[in-house]
């Protein structure tokens, strides 16, 4: 099964929006969603602090500037 890794943090409205989009897309696409709180791992915090929400689907990555319904759906289609 396709795995989507979603880097996020608490109290982040952009993260909440991205999570909502991913949840909606799970109705049409089969994937496992793994949420990772960047504050639970120093390496994630350092790497993704300015990029969250950040989504990784295989080799495809989308940062906060790129995430929307179209880009997420295309990334899922490209990695199925």
N, C-alpha and C. Protein backbone atom coordinates (compact mmCIF):
# COMPACT_ATOMS: atom_id res chain seq x y z
N UNK A 1 0.83 -1.18 0.00
CA UNK A 1 0.00 0.00 0.00
C UNK A 1 0.88 1.25 0.00
N UNK A 2 0.42 2.24 -0.70
CA UNK A 2 1.13 3.52 -0.79
C UNK A 2 1.15 4.19 0.59
N UNK A 3 2.29 4.74 0.93
CA UNK A 3 2.44 5.41 2.23
C UNK A 3 2.69 6.89 2.00
N UNK A 4 1.90 7.72 2.68
CA UNK A 4 2.06 9.16 2.64
C UNK A 4 2.56 9.60 4.00
N UNK A 5 3.70 10.27 4.03
CA UNK A 5 4.25 10.78 5.28
C UNK A 5 3.94 12.27 5.35
N UNK A 6 3.31 12.66 6.44
CA UNK A 6 2.83 14.03 6.62
C UNK A 6 3.49 14.63 7.85
N UNK A 7 4.40 15.57 7.61
CA UNK A 7 5.09 16.26 8.70
C UNK A 7 4.24 17.46 9.12
N UNK A 8 3.99 17.56 10.42
CA UNK A 8 3.05 18.54 10.93
C UNK A 8 3.46 18.98 12.33
N UNK A 9 2.67 19.87 12.92
CA UNK A 9 2.84 20.25 14.32
C UNK A 9 1.47 20.70 14.83
N UNK A 10 1.35 20.78 16.15
CA UNK A 10 0.10 21.25 16.74
C UNK A 10 -0.09 22.74 16.50
N UNK A 11 -1.34 23.16 16.53
CA UNK A 11 -1.69 24.58 16.38
C UNK A 11 -1.13 25.20 15.11
N UNK A 12 -1.35 24.51 14.00
CA UNK A 12 -0.88 24.95 12.69
C UNK A 12 -2.07 24.88 11.73
N UNK A 13 -2.62 26.04 11.39
CA UNK A 13 -3.82 26.04 10.54
C UNK A 13 -3.53 25.49 9.14
N UNK A 14 -2.34 25.77 8.61
CA UNK A 14 -1.99 25.21 7.30
C UNK A 14 -1.93 23.68 7.37
N UNK A 15 -1.42 23.17 8.48
CA UNK A 15 -1.35 21.72 8.67
C UNK A 15 -2.75 21.12 8.75
N UNK A 16 -3.63 21.81 9.46
CA UNK A 16 -5.02 21.34 9.57
C UNK A 16 -5.67 21.29 8.20
N UNK A 17 -5.44 22.31 7.38
CA UNK A 17 -6.00 22.34 6.03
C UNK A 17 -5.45 21.19 5.19
N UNK A 18 -4.15 20.98 5.25
CA UNK A 18 -3.52 19.91 4.48
C UNK A 18 -4.04 18.54 4.93
N UNK A 19 -4.20 18.38 6.23
CA UNK A 19 -4.73 17.13 6.77
C UNK A 19 -6.14 16.89 6.25
N UNK A 20 -6.95 17.93 6.18
CA UNK A 20 -8.30 17.82 5.64
C UNK A 20 -8.29 17.37 4.19
N UNK A 21 -7.38 17.93 3.40
CA UNK A 21 -7.27 17.53 2.00
C UNK A 21 -6.86 16.07 1.88
N UNK A 22 -5.89 15.65 2.68
CA UNK A 22 -5.44 14.26 2.64
C UNK A 22 -6.56 13.30 3.05
N UNK A 23 -7.32 13.69 4.06
CA UNK A 23 -8.45 12.87 4.51
C UNK A 23 -9.48 12.73 3.39
N UNK A 24 -9.78 13.82 2.70
CA UNK A 24 -10.73 13.76 1.58
C UNK A 24 -10.20 12.85 0.47
N UNK A 25 -8.91 12.96 0.19
CA UNK A 25 -8.32 12.15 -0.89
C UNK A 25 -8.29 10.66 -0.55
N UNK A 26 -8.30 10.32 0.74
CA UNK A 26 -8.31 8.92 1.14
C UNK A 26 -9.61 8.22 0.72
N UNK A 27 -10.64 8.98 0.44
CA UNK A 27 -11.89 8.38 -0.05
C UNK A 27 -11.72 7.81 -1.45
N UNK A 28 -10.85 8.44 -2.25
CA UNK A 28 -10.68 8.05 -3.65
C UNK A 28 -9.38 7.29 -3.93
N UNK A 29 -8.42 7.42 -3.04
CA UNK A 29 -7.12 6.77 -3.24
C UNK A 29 -6.77 5.97 -2.00
N UNK A 30 -6.21 4.80 -2.24
CA UNK A 30 -5.84 3.93 -1.13
C UNK A 30 -4.40 4.24 -0.70
N UNK A 31 -4.26 4.82 0.48
CA UNK A 31 -2.92 5.08 1.01
C UNK A 31 -2.97 5.11 2.53
N UNK A 32 -1.82 4.79 3.10
CA UNK A 32 -1.65 4.87 4.54
C UNK A 32 -1.08 6.24 4.87
N UNK A 33 -1.71 6.94 5.80
CA UNK A 33 -1.26 8.27 6.19
C UNK A 33 -0.52 8.18 7.51
N UNK A 34 0.77 8.54 7.48
CA UNK A 34 1.58 8.55 8.70
C UNK A 34 1.87 10.00 9.06
N UNK A 35 1.30 10.45 10.17
CA UNK A 35 1.55 11.82 10.63
C UNK A 35 2.77 11.83 11.55
N UNK A 36 3.66 12.78 11.31
CA UNK A 36 4.85 12.93 12.13
C UNK A 36 4.91 14.34 12.67
N UNK A 37 4.85 14.46 13.99
CA UNK A 37 4.97 15.76 14.65
C UNK A 37 6.45 16.13 14.67
N UNK A 38 6.79 17.25 14.06
CA UNK A 38 8.21 17.62 13.94
C UNK A 38 8.84 17.89 15.30
N UNK A 39 8.03 18.18 16.31
CA UNK A 39 8.59 18.44 17.64
C UNK A 39 8.92 17.17 18.41
N UNK A 40 8.60 16.02 17.82
CA UNK A 40 8.91 14.74 18.49
C UNK A 40 10.27 14.19 18.06
N UNK A 41 10.95 14.88 17.13
CA UNK A 41 12.22 14.38 16.60
C UNK A 41 13.07 15.60 16.19
N UNK A 42 14.23 15.75 16.78
CA UNK A 42 15.08 16.91 16.50
C UNK A 42 15.47 17.02 15.03
N UNK A 43 15.71 15.88 14.40
CA UNK A 43 16.08 15.87 12.99
C UNK A 43 14.94 16.41 12.12
N UNK A 44 13.72 15.96 12.40
CA UNK A 44 12.56 16.46 11.65
C UNK A 44 12.36 17.95 11.89
N UNK A 45 12.53 18.37 13.13
CA UNK A 45 12.35 19.79 13.46
C UNK A 45 13.33 20.64 12.66
N UNK A 46 14.56 20.22 12.64
CA UNK A 46 15.59 20.98 11.92
C UNK A 46 15.31 21.01 10.42
N UNK A 47 14.91 19.88 9.86
CA UNK A 47 14.73 19.79 8.42
C UNK A 47 13.43 20.42 7.91
N UNK A 48 12.34 20.30 8.68
CA UNK A 48 11.03 20.68 8.15
C UNK A 48 10.38 21.89 8.84
N UNK A 49 11.04 22.48 9.82
CA UNK A 49 10.44 23.55 10.61
C UNK A 49 9.83 24.66 9.75
N UNK A 50 10.53 25.09 8.73
CA UNK A 50 10.04 26.19 7.89
C UNK A 50 9.23 25.71 6.68
N UNK A 51 9.07 24.41 6.55
CA UNK A 51 8.41 23.85 5.37
C UNK A 51 7.03 23.27 5.65
N UNK A 52 6.68 23.08 6.94
CA UNK A 52 5.43 22.39 7.23
C UNK A 52 4.22 23.25 6.90
N UNK A 53 3.14 22.61 6.52
CA UNK A 53 3.00 21.16 6.35
C UNK A 53 3.88 20.67 5.20
N UNK A 54 4.36 19.46 5.34
CA UNK A 54 5.26 18.87 4.35
C UNK A 54 4.79 17.43 4.11
N UNK A 55 4.65 17.07 2.84
CA UNK A 55 4.15 15.74 2.48
C UNK A 55 5.19 15.03 1.62
N UNK A 56 5.42 13.77 1.96
CA UNK A 56 6.35 12.95 1.19
C UNK A 56 5.59 11.70 0.71
N UNK A 57 5.58 11.50 -0.60
CA UNK A 57 4.96 10.31 -1.20
C UNK A 57 6.02 9.70 -2.10
N UNK A 58 6.64 8.62 -1.63
CA UNK A 58 7.80 8.04 -2.31
C UNK A 58 8.85 9.13 -2.52
N UNK A 59 9.21 9.41 -3.77
CA UNK A 59 10.22 10.43 -4.04
C UNK A 59 9.62 11.81 -4.28
N UNK A 60 8.29 11.91 -4.26
CA UNK A 60 7.61 13.18 -4.47
C UNK A 60 7.45 13.90 -3.14
N UNK A 61 7.82 15.17 -3.10
CA UNK A 61 7.67 15.96 -1.88
C UNK A 61 6.94 17.26 -2.20
N UNK A 62 6.12 17.69 -1.26
CA UNK A 62 5.39 18.95 -1.38
C UNK A 62 5.54 19.71 -0.08
N UNK A 63 5.92 20.99 -0.15
CA UNK A 63 6.02 21.78 1.07
C UNK A 63 4.82 22.72 1.18
N UNK A 64 4.83 23.54 2.21
CA UNK A 64 3.69 24.41 2.51
C UNK A 64 3.30 25.31 1.35
N UNK A 65 4.24 25.68 0.53
CA UNK A 65 3.96 26.56 -0.61
C UNK A 65 3.30 25.80 -1.77
N UNK A 66 3.46 24.49 -1.79
CA UNK A 66 3.02 23.68 -2.93
C UNK A 66 1.75 22.88 -2.67
N UNK A 67 1.39 22.70 -1.42
CA UNK A 67 0.27 21.81 -1.10
C UNK A 67 -1.07 22.45 -1.41
N UNK A 68 -1.83 21.77 -2.26
CA UNK A 68 -3.24 22.09 -2.50
C UNK A 68 -3.88 20.82 -3.04
N UNK A 69 -5.17 20.85 -3.27
CA UNK A 69 -5.88 19.64 -3.71
C UNK A 69 -5.29 19.08 -5.00
N UNK A 70 -5.01 19.95 -5.96
CA UNK A 70 -4.50 19.49 -7.26
C UNK A 70 -3.12 18.85 -7.15
N UNK A 71 -2.22 19.49 -6.41
CA UNK A 71 -0.86 18.94 -6.32
C UNK A 71 -0.84 17.63 -5.53
N UNK A 72 -1.65 17.55 -4.47
CA UNK A 72 -1.71 16.30 -3.70
C UNK A 72 -2.28 15.18 -4.54
N UNK A 73 -3.37 15.47 -5.26
CA UNK A 73 -3.99 14.43 -6.07
C UNK A 73 -3.04 13.97 -7.18
N UNK A 74 -2.35 14.90 -7.81
CA UNK A 74 -1.41 14.53 -8.86
C UNK A 74 -0.26 13.69 -8.29
N UNK A 75 0.23 14.05 -7.13
CA UNK A 75 1.30 13.28 -6.50
C UNK A 75 0.84 11.85 -6.20
N UNK A 76 -0.39 11.70 -5.75
CA UNK A 76 -0.93 10.36 -5.50
C UNK A 76 -1.04 9.56 -6.80
N UNK A 77 -1.56 10.19 -7.84
CA UNK A 77 -1.69 9.51 -9.15
C UNK A 77 -0.32 9.10 -9.68
N UNK A 78 0.66 9.96 -9.52
CA UNK A 78 2.01 9.69 -10.04
C UNK A 78 2.69 8.55 -9.28
N UNK A 79 2.25 8.28 -8.08
CA UNK A 79 2.94 7.28 -7.25
C UNK A 79 2.13 6.01 -7.01
N UNK A 80 1.00 5.87 -7.66
CA UNK A 80 0.20 4.65 -7.49
C UNK A 80 0.82 3.50 -8.27
